[in-house]
Amino acid sequence: MDALLETYQRHHLIDRALAAGKDRAAALRCQQREELSVVDAELAKTEAAIERYLLAFEAGSLPEAVCGERVRNLGTKAGELLARRIELEYEVLDAETPTITRRELAKGRRHVADTIASGAPEAKKALLQALVAEIRVKSRKAVRPFFRVPIDATAASGYAAARICAEAEHDRLHE
């Protein structure tokens, strides 16, 4: 709890964690947009193939037995591509850049400090479960907690992907 409180007082760590979260969100959005472009191209290609098969069938140059099976397969593929396209559209919207104002951050710090100082054991436990991302133990003297940085509550997860490590920063400063 002391490491959590101390870490939340280090403005530069929080700023770096949020910047890293923004960078990851931007990279994720870029990757999702690229996949969306690929899915759109594949969907257009599949729909064009369906159209060609139907035109060939209507022109009488392709028997129904051959055309029907192939069009059903292409229709299934088009449905799957359309479903993936919709998923990607929502993912792009959900991957918006995490934001938090200085005022929200200060309010969060006060909440953490108040909960640690005078909160019920259940409240402290809930706080730690929400804000401790990981604890790495290399030895009795090398324990590194990683904390989550709360961000905009409208984000999909409610927390930035960014994590901060008090001990890693401490080690870096003293090397």
N, C-alpha and C. Protein backbone atom coordinates (compact mmCIF):
# COMPACT_ATOMS: atom_id res chain seq x y z
N MET A 1 0.83 -1.19 0.00
CA MET A 1 0.00 0.00 0.00
C MET A 1 0.87 1.25 0.00
N ASP A 2 1.99 1.18 0.71
CA ASP A 2 2.90 2.34 0.71
C ASP A 2 3.45 2.59 -0.70
N ALA A 3 3.81 1.51 -1.40
CA ALA A 3 4.34 1.66 -2.76
C ALA A 3 3.28 2.25 -3.68
N LEU A 4 2.03 1.83 -3.51
CA LEU A 4 0.95 2.37 -4.32
C LEU A 4 0.79 3.86 -4.07
N LEU A 5 0.73 4.23 -2.82
CA LEU A 5 0.57 5.64 -2.46
C LEU A 5 1.75 6.48 -2.95
N GLU A 6 2.96 5.96 -2.75
CA GLU A 6 4.16 6.68 -3.19
C GLU A 6 4.18 6.83 -4.71
N THR A 7 3.81 5.77 -5.40
CA THR A 7 3.81 5.80 -6.87
C THR A 7 2.81 6.81 -7.39
N TYR A 8 1.64 6.86 -6.79
CA TYR A 8 0.62 7.80 -7.23
C TYR A 8 0.99 9.25 -6.96
N GLN A 9 1.97 9.48 -6.10
CA GLN A 9 2.44 10.85 -5.84
C GLN A 9 3.47 11.30 -6.88
N ARG A 10 4.00 10.37 -7.65
CA ARG A 10 5.02 10.69 -8.66
C ARG A 10 4.35 11.07 -9.98
N HIS A 11 4.18 12.35 -10.17
CA HIS A 11 3.49 12.84 -11.36
C HIS A 11 4.16 12.38 -12.65
N HIS A 12 5.48 12.38 -12.69
CA HIS A 12 6.17 12.01 -13.93
C HIS A 12 5.92 10.55 -14.29
N LEU A 13 5.79 9.67 -13.30
CA LEU A 13 5.49 8.26 -13.59
C LEU A 13 4.09 8.12 -14.19
N ILE A 14 3.15 8.80 -13.59
CA ILE A 14 1.78 8.75 -14.08
C ILE A 14 1.72 9.31 -15.50
N ASP A 15 2.38 10.42 -15.73
CA ASP A 15 2.39 11.02 -17.07
C ASP A 15 2.99 10.06 -18.10
N ARG A 16 4.09 9.41 -17.74
CA ARG A 16 4.72 8.45 -18.66
C ARG A 16 3.81 7.25 -18.91
N ALA A 17 3.15 6.76 -17.86
CA ALA A 17 2.26 5.61 -18.02
C ALA A 17 1.09 5.98 -18.93
N LEU A 18 0.52 7.16 -18.73
CA LEU A 18 -0.59 7.59 -19.58
C LEU A 18 -0.13 7.80 -21.03
N ALA A 19 1.06 8.36 -21.20
CA ALA A 19 1.59 8.54 -22.57
C ALA A 19 1.79 7.18 -23.24
N ALA A 20 2.30 6.21 -22.48
CA ALA A 20 2.48 4.87 -23.03
C ALA A 20 1.12 4.25 -23.38
N GLY A 21 0.14 4.47 -22.54
CA GLY A 21 -1.21 3.97 -22.82
C GLY A 21 -1.79 4.59 -24.08
N LYS A 22 -1.55 5.88 -24.26
CA LYS A 22 -2.02 6.56 -25.46
C LYS A 22 -1.33 6.01 -26.70
N ASP A 23 -0.03 5.76 -26.58
CA ASP A 23 0.72 5.20 -27.71
C ASP A 23 0.19 3.81 -28.08
N ARG A 24 -0.06 2.98 -27.06
CA ARG A 24 -0.58 1.64 -27.33
C ARG A 24 -1.98 1.70 -27.93
N ALA A 25 -2.81 2.60 -27.44
CA ALA A 25 -4.16 2.75 -27.99
C ALA A 25 -4.09 3.20 -29.44
N ALA A 26 -3.20 4.12 -29.76
CA ALA A 26 -3.06 4.59 -31.15
C ALA A 26 -2.57 3.46 -32.05
N ALA A 27 -1.60 2.68 -31.57
CA ALA A 27 -1.09 1.55 -32.36
C ALA A 27 -2.19 0.50 -32.58
N LEU A 28 -2.97 0.25 -31.55
CA LEU A 28 -4.06 -0.72 -31.65
C LEU A 28 -5.11 -0.24 -32.66
N ARG A 29 -5.46 1.05 -32.60
CA ARG A 29 -6.42 1.59 -33.56
C ARG A 29 -5.89 1.46 -34.98
N CYS A 30 -4.62 1.75 -35.18
CA CYS A 30 -4.01 1.64 -36.51
C CYS A 30 -4.08 0.20 -37.01
N GLN A 31 -3.73 -0.74 -36.14
CA GLN A 31 -3.76 -2.17 -36.50
C GLN A 31 -5.20 -2.59 -36.84
N GLN A 32 -6.15 -2.15 -36.06
CA GLN A 32 -7.55 -2.51 -36.31
C GLN A 32 -8.05 -1.89 -37.60
N ARG A 33 -7.64 -0.66 -37.89
CA ARG A 33 -8.05 -0.02 -39.14
C ARG A 33 -7.46 -0.74 -40.35
N GLU A 34 -6.21 -1.20 -40.21
CA GLU A 34 -5.59 -1.96 -41.30
C GLU A 34 -6.35 -3.27 -41.53
N GLU A 35 -6.68 -3.96 -40.44
CA GLU A 35 -7.44 -5.20 -40.59
C GLU A 35 -8.81 -4.92 -41.19
N LEU A 36 -9.42 -3.82 -40.80
CA LEU A 36 -10.72 -3.44 -41.35
C LEU A 36 -10.62 -3.23 -42.86
N SER A 37 -9.54 -2.61 -43.31
CA SER A 37 -9.33 -2.42 -44.75
C SER A 37 -9.20 -3.76 -45.47
N VAL A 38 -8.47 -4.69 -44.86
CA VAL A 38 -8.29 -6.02 -45.45
C VAL A 38 -9.64 -6.74 -45.53
N VAL A 39 -10.42 -6.66 -44.45
CA VAL A 39 -11.73 -7.31 -44.42
C VAL A 39 -12.64 -6.69 -45.47
N ASP A 40 -12.62 -5.36 -45.59
CA ASP A 40 -13.44 -4.68 -46.60
C ASP A 40 -13.07 -5.14 -48.01
N ALA A 41 -11.78 -5.25 -48.26
CA ALA A 41 -11.32 -5.68 -49.59
C ALA A 41 -11.76 -7.12 -49.86
N GLU A 42 -11.61 -7.97 -48.88
CA GLU A 42 -12.00 -9.38 -49.04
C GLU A 42 -13.51 -9.51 -49.21
N LEU A 43 -14.26 -8.70 -48.48
CA LEU A 43 -15.72 -8.71 -48.60
C LEU A 43 -16.15 -8.25 -49.99
N ALA A 44 -15.53 -7.20 -50.50
CA ALA A 44 -15.85 -6.71 -51.85
C ALA A 44 -15.51 -7.78 -52.90
N LYS A 45 -14.39 -8.44 -52.73
CA LYS A 45 -13.97 -9.50 -53.65
C LYS A 45 -14.96 -10.67 -53.63
N THR A 46 -15.40 -11.04 -52.44
CA THR A 46 -16.34 -12.14 -52.29
C THR A 46 -17.69 -11.79 -52.90
N GLU A 47 -18.17 -10.57 -52.64
CA GLU A 47 -19.44 -10.14 -53.22
C GLU A 47 -19.36 -10.07 -54.75
N ALA A 48 -18.22 -9.65 -55.28
CA ALA A 48 -18.04 -9.61 -56.73
C ALA A 48 -18.06 -11.02 -57.31
N ALA A 49 -17.46 -11.98 -56.59
CA ALA A 49 -17.47 -13.37 -57.06
C ALA A 49 -18.89 -13.92 -57.07
N ILE A 50 -19.66 -13.61 -56.04
CA ILE A 50 -21.06 -14.06 -56.00
C ILE A 50 -21.80 -13.49 -57.20
N GLU A 51 -21.59 -12.22 -57.47
CA GLU A 51 -22.25 -11.57 -58.61
C GLU A 51 -21.86 -12.24 -59.93
N ARG A 52 -20.58 -12.58 -60.10
CA ARG A 52 -20.13 -13.24 -61.34
C ARG A 52 -20.80 -14.61 -61.50
N TYR A 53 -20.88 -15.37 -60.40
CA TYR A 53 -21.52 -16.68 -60.47
C TYR A 53 -23.00 -16.54 -60.83
N LEU A 54 -23.67 -15.58 -60.23
CA LEU A 54 -25.09 -15.38 -60.52
C LEU A 54 -25.30 -14.94 -61.97
N LEU A 55 -24.44 -14.06 -62.47
CA LEU A 55 -24.54 -13.63 -63.87
C LEU A 55 -24.31 -14.81 -64.82
N ALA A 56 -23.32 -15.66 -64.48
CA ALA A 56 -23.05 -16.83 -65.33
C ALA A 56 -24.23 -17.79 -65.30
N PHE A 57 -24.84 -17.96 -64.14
CA PHE A 57 -26.01 -18.83 -64.03
C PHE A 57 -27.17 -18.26 -64.84
N GLU A 58 -27.41 -16.96 -64.70
CA GLU A 58 -28.51 -16.32 -65.43
C GLU A 58 -28.29 -16.37 -66.94
N ALA A 59 -27.03 -16.32 -67.35
CA ALA A 59 -26.71 -16.38 -68.79
C ALA A 59 -26.78 -17.81 -69.31
N GLY A 60 -26.93 -18.78 -68.41
CA GLY A 60 -27.03 -20.17 -68.82
C GLY A 60 -25.69 -20.84 -69.06
N SER A 61 -24.59 -20.20 -68.72
CA SER A 61 -23.27 -20.80 -68.96
C SER A 61 -22.76 -21.60 -67.76
N LEU A 62 -23.51 -21.64 -66.67
CA LEU A 62 -23.10 -22.37 -65.48
C LEU A 62 -24.31 -23.10 -64.92
N PRO A 63 -24.21 -24.43 -64.75
CA PRO A 63 -25.36 -25.19 -64.24
C PRO A 63 -25.64 -24.84 -62.77
N GLU A 64 -26.91 -25.01 -62.39
CA GLU A 64 -27.34 -24.67 -61.03
C GLU A 64 -26.58 -25.48 -59.97
N ALA A 65 -26.29 -26.73 -60.21
CA ALA A 65 -25.61 -27.58 -59.24
C ALA A 65 -24.24 -27.01 -58.88
N VAL A 66 -23.51 -26.54 -59.86
CA VAL A 66 -22.18 -25.97 -59.63
C VAL A 66 -22.32 -24.58 -59.01
N CYS A 67 -23.17 -23.78 -59.58
CA CYS A 67 -23.34 -22.39 -59.13
C CYS A 67 -23.90 -22.32 -57.72
N GLY A 68 -24.93 -23.12 -57.44
CA GLY A 68 -25.60 -23.06 -56.14
C GLY A 68 -24.67 -23.34 -54.98
N GLU A 69 -23.90 -24.41 -55.10
CA GLU A 69 -22.97 -24.77 -54.00
C GLU A 69 -21.92 -23.69 -53.78
N ARG A 70 -21.37 -23.21 -54.87
CA ARG A 70 -20.32 -22.18 -54.75
C ARG A 70 -20.88 -20.87 -54.20
N VAL A 71 -22.05 -20.49 -54.62
CA VAL A 71 -22.66 -19.25 -54.13
C VAL A 71 -22.99 -19.38 -52.64
N ARG A 72 -23.47 -20.56 -52.21
CA ARG A 72 -23.72 -20.78 -50.77
C ARG A 72 -22.43 -20.63 -49.96
N ASN A 73 -21.34 -21.22 -50.44
CA ASN A 73 -20.05 -21.12 -49.74
C ASN A 73 -19.57 -19.67 -49.68
N LEU A 74 -19.69 -18.98 -50.80
CA LEU A 74 -19.29 -17.57 -50.82
C LEU A 74 -20.20 -16.72 -49.93
N GLY A 75 -21.48 -17.05 -49.89
CA GLY A 75 -22.42 -16.34 -49.02
C GLY A 75 -22.06 -16.51 -47.55
N THR A 76 -21.67 -17.73 -47.18
CA THR A 76 -21.23 -17.99 -45.80
C THR A 76 -19.99 -17.18 -45.49
N LYS A 77 -19.04 -17.18 -46.42
CA LYS A 77 -17.81 -16.40 -46.23
C LYS A 77 -18.13 -14.91 -46.11
N ALA A 78 -19.02 -14.41 -46.93
CA ALA A 78 -19.39 -12.99 -46.88
C ALA A 78 -20.04 -12.66 -45.53
N GLY A 79 -20.87 -13.55 -45.03
CA GLY A 79 -21.49 -13.34 -43.72
C GLY A 79 -20.46 -13.27 -42.61
N GLU A 80 -19.48 -14.17 -42.66
CA GLU A 80 -18.41 -14.16 -41.65
C GLU A 80 -17.58 -12.89 -41.74
N LEU A 81 -17.27 -12.46 -42.95
CA LEU A 81 -16.51 -11.23 -43.14
C LEU A 81 -17.29 -10.01 -42.65
N LEU A 82 -18.57 -10.00 -42.91
CA LEU A 82 -19.40 -8.89 -42.45
C LEU A 82 -19.46 -8.85 -40.93
N ALA A 83 -19.57 -10.01 -40.30
CA ALA A 83 -19.57 -10.07 -38.84
C ALA A 83 -18.24 -9.55 -38.28
N ARG A 84 -17.14 -9.95 -38.90
CA ARG A 84 -15.82 -9.48 -38.44
C ARG A 84 -15.68 -7.98 -38.66
N ARG A 85 -16.24 -7.48 -39.75
CA ARG A 85 -16.18 -6.05 -40.02
C ARG A 85 -16.90 -5.27 -38.92
N ILE A 86 -18.06 -5.75 -38.52
CA ILE A 86 -18.82 -5.08 -37.46
C ILE A 86 -18.04 -5.11 -36.14
N GLU A 87 -17.44 -6.27 -35.82
CA GLU A 87 -16.61 -6.37 -34.61
C GLU A 87 -15.48 -5.35 -34.64
N LEU A 88 -14.80 -5.27 -35.76
CA LEU A 88 -13.68 -4.33 -35.89
C LEU A 88 -14.12 -2.89 -35.76
N GLU A 89 -15.27 -2.55 -36.32
CA GLU A 89 -15.77 -1.19 -36.19
C GLU A 89 -15.97 -0.82 -34.72
N TYR A 90 -16.54 -1.75 -33.95
CA TYR A 90 -16.73 -1.49 -32.51
C TYR A 90 -15.39 -1.44 -31.78
N GLU A 91 -14.47 -2.31 -32.15
CA GLU A 91 -13.15 -2.31 -31.50
C GLU A 91 -12.41 -1.00 -31.76
N VAL A 92 -12.52 -0.47 -32.97
CA VAL A 92 -11.87 0.81 -33.28
C VAL A 92 -12.47 1.91 -32.41
N LEU A 93 -13.77 1.90 -32.25
CA LEU A 93 -14.41 2.90 -31.40
C LEU A 93 -14.01 2.73 -29.94
N ASP A 94 -13.90 1.48 -29.47
CA ASP A 94 -13.54 1.21 -28.08
C ASP A 94 -12.08 1.51 -27.77
N ALA A 95 -11.23 1.55 -28.78
CA ALA A 95 -9.79 1.75 -28.56
C ALA A 95 -9.42 3.22 -28.56
N GLU A 96 -10.35 4.08 -28.21
CA GLU A 96 -10.04 5.50 -28.17
C GLU A 96 -8.95 5.77 -27.14
N THR A 97 -8.23 6.82 -27.36
CA THR A 97 -7.10 7.18 -26.51
C THR A 97 -7.55 7.44 -25.07
N PRO A 98 -6.88 6.79 -24.10
CA PRO A 98 -7.24 7.02 -22.70
C PRO A 98 -6.92 8.45 -22.29
N THR A 99 -7.82 9.03 -21.51
CA THR A 99 -7.61 10.39 -21.05
C THR A 99 -7.95 10.50 -19.57
N ILE A 100 -7.27 11.39 -18.91
CA ILE A 100 -7.58 11.71 -17.52
C ILE A 100 -7.08 13.13 -17.28
N THR A 101 -7.88 13.93 -16.62
CA THR A 101 -7.49 15.30 -16.35
C THR A 101 -6.68 15.35 -15.05
N ARG A 102 -5.97 16.43 -14.86
CA ARG A 102 -5.21 16.62 -13.61
C ARG A 102 -6.15 16.59 -12.40
N ARG A 103 -7.32 17.18 -12.57
CA ARG A 103 -8.30 17.21 -11.47
C ARG A 103 -8.76 15.79 -11.12
N GLU A 104 -9.06 14.98 -12.16
CA GLU A 104 -9.48 13.59 -11.92
C GLU A 104 -8.36 12.80 -11.27
N LEU A 105 -7.14 13.04 -11.72
CA LEU A 105 -6.00 12.34 -11.15
C LEU A 105 -5.80 12.73 -9.69
N ALA A 106 -5.93 13.99 -9.37
CA ALA A 106 -5.80 14.44 -7.98
C ALA A 106 -6.91 13.83 -7.12
N LYS A 107 -8.11 13.79 -7.66
CA LYS A 107 -9.23 13.18 -6.93
C LYS A 107 -8.95 11.69 -6.68
N GLY A 108 -8.42 11.02 -7.68
CA GLY A 108 -8.06 9.61 -7.54
C GLY A 108 -6.99 9.40 -6.48
N ARG A 109 -5.98 10.28 -6.47
CA ARG A 109 -4.92 10.20 -5.45
C ARG A 109 -5.51 10.36 -4.05
N ARG A 110 -6.40 11.33 -3.90
CA ARG A 110 -7.04 11.54 -2.58
C ARG A 110 -7.84 10.31 -2.16
N HIS A 111 -8.55 9.73 -3.12
CA HIS A 111 -9.33 8.52 -2.83
C HIS A 111 -8.42 7.39 -2.38
N VAL A 112 -7.31 7.18 -3.09
CA VAL A 112 -6.36 6.13 -2.73
C VAL A 112 -5.81 6.40 -1.33
N ALA A 113 -5.37 7.62 -1.08
CA ALA A 113 -4.80 7.97 0.23
C ALA A 113 -5.84 7.80 1.34
N ASP A 114 -7.06 8.27 1.12
CA ASP A 114 -8.11 8.15 2.13
C ASP A 114 -8.45 6.69 2.41
N THR A 115 -8.55 5.90 1.36
CA THR A 115 -8.89 4.49 1.53
C THR A 115 -7.79 3.76 2.29
N ILE A 116 -6.54 4.05 1.95
CA ILE A 116 -5.42 3.40 2.64
C ILE A 116 -5.37 3.85 4.10
N ALA A 117 -5.59 5.13 4.34
CA ALA A 117 -5.49 5.68 5.70
C ALA A 117 -6.64 5.24 6.59
N SER A 118 -7.86 5.26 6.08
CA SER A 118 -8.99 5.02 6.99
C SER A 118 -10.08 4.12 6.43
N GLY A 119 -9.83 3.47 5.32
CA GLY A 119 -10.85 2.62 4.71
C GLY A 119 -11.00 1.30 5.44
N ALA A 120 -12.17 0.71 5.28
CA ALA A 120 -12.43 -0.62 5.83
C ALA A 120 -11.54 -1.63 5.11
N PRO A 121 -11.24 -2.75 5.74
CA PRO A 121 -10.40 -3.77 5.09
C PRO A 121 -10.94 -4.19 3.73
N GLU A 122 -12.27 -4.28 3.60
CA GLU A 122 -12.85 -4.68 2.31
C GLU A 122 -12.59 -3.61 1.24
N ALA A 123 -12.63 -2.35 1.64
CA ALA A 123 -12.37 -1.26 0.70
C ALA A 123 -10.91 -1.26 0.27
N LYS A 124 -10.00 -1.51 1.21
CA LYS A 124 -8.57 -1.58 0.87
C LYS A 124 -8.32 -2.74 -0.09
N LYS A 125 -8.95 -3.86 0.19
CA LYS A 125 -8.79 -5.03 -0.67
C LYS A 125 -9.29 -4.73 -2.08
N ALA A 126 -10.48 -4.12 -2.17
CA ALA A 126 -11.04 -3.77 -3.49
C ALA A 126 -10.13 -2.79 -4.22
N LEU A 127 -9.58 -1.83 -3.49
CA LEU A 127 -8.68 -0.85 -4.10
C LEU A 127 -7.44 -1.54 -4.67
N LEU A 128 -6.85 -2.41 -3.88
CA LEU A 128 -5.66 -3.13 -4.34
C LEU A 128 -5.98 -4.03 -5.53
N GLN A 129 -7.12 -4.70 -5.50
CA GLN A 129 -7.50 -5.55 -6.63
C GLN A 129 -7.68 -4.72 -7.90
N ALA A 130 -8.20 -3.52 -7.75
CA ALA A 130 -8.43 -2.67 -8.92
C ALA A 130 -7.15 -2.05 -9.46
N LEU A 131 -6.21 -1.72 -8.57
CA LEU A 131 -5.05 -0.93 -9.00
C LEU A 131 -3.74 -1.70 -9.12
N VAL A 132 -3.63 -2.86 -8.51
CA VAL A 132 -2.40 -3.65 -8.63
C VAL A 132 -2.55 -4.56 -9.85
N ALA A 133 -1.73 -4.30 -10.85
CA ALA A 133 -1.78 -5.09 -12.09
C ALA A 133 -1.00 -6.39 -11.94
N GLU A 134 0.13 -6.31 -11.26
CA GLU A 134 1.02 -7.46 -11.18
C GLU A 134 2.05 -7.20 -10.09
N ILE A 135 2.53 -8.30 -9.50
CA ILE A 135 3.64 -8.20 -8.55
C ILE A 135 4.66 -9.24 -8.98
N ARG A 136 5.86 -8.77 -9.26
CA ARG A 136 6.96 -9.67 -9.66
C ARG A 136 7.91 -9.81 -8.48
N VAL A 137 8.15 -11.05 -8.10
CA VAL A 137 9.05 -11.33 -6.98
C VAL A 137 10.25 -12.08 -7.55
N LYS A 138 11.41 -11.43 -7.48
CA LYS A 138 12.65 -12.06 -7.92
C LYS A 138 13.41 -12.63 -6.73
N SER A 139 13.30 -11.96 -5.61
CA SER A 139 13.89 -12.42 -4.35
C SER A 139 13.19 -11.66 -3.24
N ARG A 140 13.57 -11.93 -1.99
CA ARG A 140 12.95 -11.23 -0.87
C ARG A 140 13.18 -9.71 -0.94
N LYS A 141 14.31 -9.34 -1.53
CA LYS A 141 14.65 -7.91 -1.61
C LYS A 141 14.28 -7.28 -2.95
N ALA A 142 13.85 -8.09 -3.88
CA ALA A 142 13.50 -7.57 -5.21
C ALA A 142 12.04 -7.90 -5.52
N VAL A 143 11.15 -7.08 -5.01
CA VAL A 143 9.72 -7.20 -5.24
C VAL A 143 9.28 -5.97 -6.02
N ARG A 144 8.67 -6.18 -7.16
CA ARG A 144 8.29 -5.06 -8.02
C ARG A 144 6.78 -5.07 -8.26
N PRO A 145 6.08 -4.13 -7.64
CA PRO A 145 4.64 -4.02 -7.93
C PRO A 145 4.41 -3.17 -9.17
N PHE A 146 3.45 -3.57 -9.97
CA PHE A 146 3.03 -2.80 -11.14
C PHE A 146 1.59 -2.36 -10.88
N PHE A 147 1.32 -1.08 -11.09
CA PHE A 147 0.00 -0.53 -10.79
C PHE A 147 -0.70 -0.08 -12.05
N ARG A 148 -2.03 -0.12 -12.02
CA ARG A 148 -2.85 0.42 -13.10
C ARG A 148 -3.09 1.90 -12.81
N VAL A 149 -3.29 2.65 -13.89
CA VAL A 149 -3.62 4.06 -13.76
C VAL A 149 -5.08 4.20 -14.17
N PRO A 150 -5.96 4.62 -13.25
CA PRO A 150 -7.36 4.79 -13.63
C PRO A 150 -7.50 5.86 -14.70
N ILE A 151 -8.38 5.60 -15.65
CA ILE A 151 -8.60 6.57 -16.73
C ILE A 151 -10.10 6.78 -16.90
N ASP A 152 -10.46 7.37 -17.99
CA ASP A 152 -11.84 7.66 -18.36
C ASP A 152 -12.72 6.43 -18.14
N ALA A 153 -13.74 6.58 -17.33
CA ALA A 153 -14.61 5.46 -16.99
C ALA A 153 -15.40 4.95 -18.18
N THR A 154 -15.47 5.71 -19.28
CA THR A 154 -16.22 5.26 -20.44
C THR A 154 -15.40 4.31 -21.30
N ALA A 155 -14.09 4.17 -20.98
CA ALA A 155 -13.26 3.25 -21.75
C ALA A 155 -13.71 1.82 -21.50
N ALA A 156 -13.39 0.94 -22.42
CA ALA A 156 -13.87 -0.43 -22.35
C ALA A 156 -13.49 -1.11 -21.04
N SER A 157 -12.26 -0.99 -20.61
CA SER A 157 -11.81 -1.70 -19.42
C SER A 157 -11.91 -0.86 -18.16
N GLY A 158 -12.03 0.45 -18.29
CA GLY A 158 -12.05 1.31 -17.12
C GLY A 158 -10.66 1.65 -16.62
N TYR A 159 -9.63 1.04 -17.16
CA TYR A 159 -8.26 1.31 -16.74
C TYR A 159 -7.36 1.38 -17.95
N ALA A 160 -6.34 2.20 -17.82
CA ALA A 160 -5.37 2.30 -18.91
C ALA A 160 -4.59 0.99 -19.00
N ALA A 161 -4.16 0.67 -20.19
CA ALA A 161 -3.29 -0.48 -20.35
C ALA A 161 -1.93 -0.16 -19.74
N ALA A 162 -1.69 1.12 -19.56
CA ALA A 162 -0.42 1.56 -19.00
C ALA A 162 -0.26 1.07 -17.58
N ARG A 163 0.93 0.61 -17.27
CA ARG A 163 1.23 0.18 -15.92
C ARG A 163 2.47 0.92 -15.47
N ILE A 164 2.56 1.12 -14.18
CA ILE A 164 3.72 1.80 -13.64
C ILE A 164 4.35 0.92 -12.58
N CYS A 165 5.63 1.01 -12.49
CA CYS A 165 6.37 0.20 -11.53
C CYS A 165 7.22 1.11 -10.67
N ALA A 166 6.90 1.18 -9.40
CA ALA A 166 7.62 2.06 -8.49
C ALA A 166 9.07 1.61 -8.32
N GLU A 167 9.27 0.33 -8.14
CA GLU A 167 10.62 -0.17 -7.89
C GLU A 167 11.51 -0.01 -9.11
N ALA A 168 10.97 -0.24 -10.29
CA ALA A 168 11.79 -0.09 -11.51
C ALA A 168 12.27 1.35 -11.64
N GLU A 169 11.40 2.29 -11.37
CA GLU A 169 11.80 3.70 -11.43
C GLU A 169 12.82 4.00 -10.35
N HIS A 170 12.61 3.46 -9.18
CA HIS A 170 13.53 3.67 -8.07
C HIS A 170 14.93 3.14 -8.43
N ASP A 171 14.97 1.92 -9.01
CA ASP A 171 16.25 1.33 -9.42
C ASP A 171 16.92 2.19 -10.47
N ARG A 172 16.17 2.68 -11.44
CA ARG A 172 16.73 3.47 -12.53
C ARG A 172 17.34 4.77 -11.98
N LEU A 173 16.70 5.37 -11.00
CA LEU A 173 17.20 6.62 -10.44
C LEU A 173 18.49 6.42 -9.64
N HIS A 174 18.69 5.22 -9.10
CA HIS A 174 19.85 4.98 -8.25
C HIS A 174 20.96 4.21 -8.94
N GLU A 175 20.86 3.96 -10.23
CA GLU A 175 21.91 3.25 -10.97
C GLU A 175 22.99 4.21 -11.42
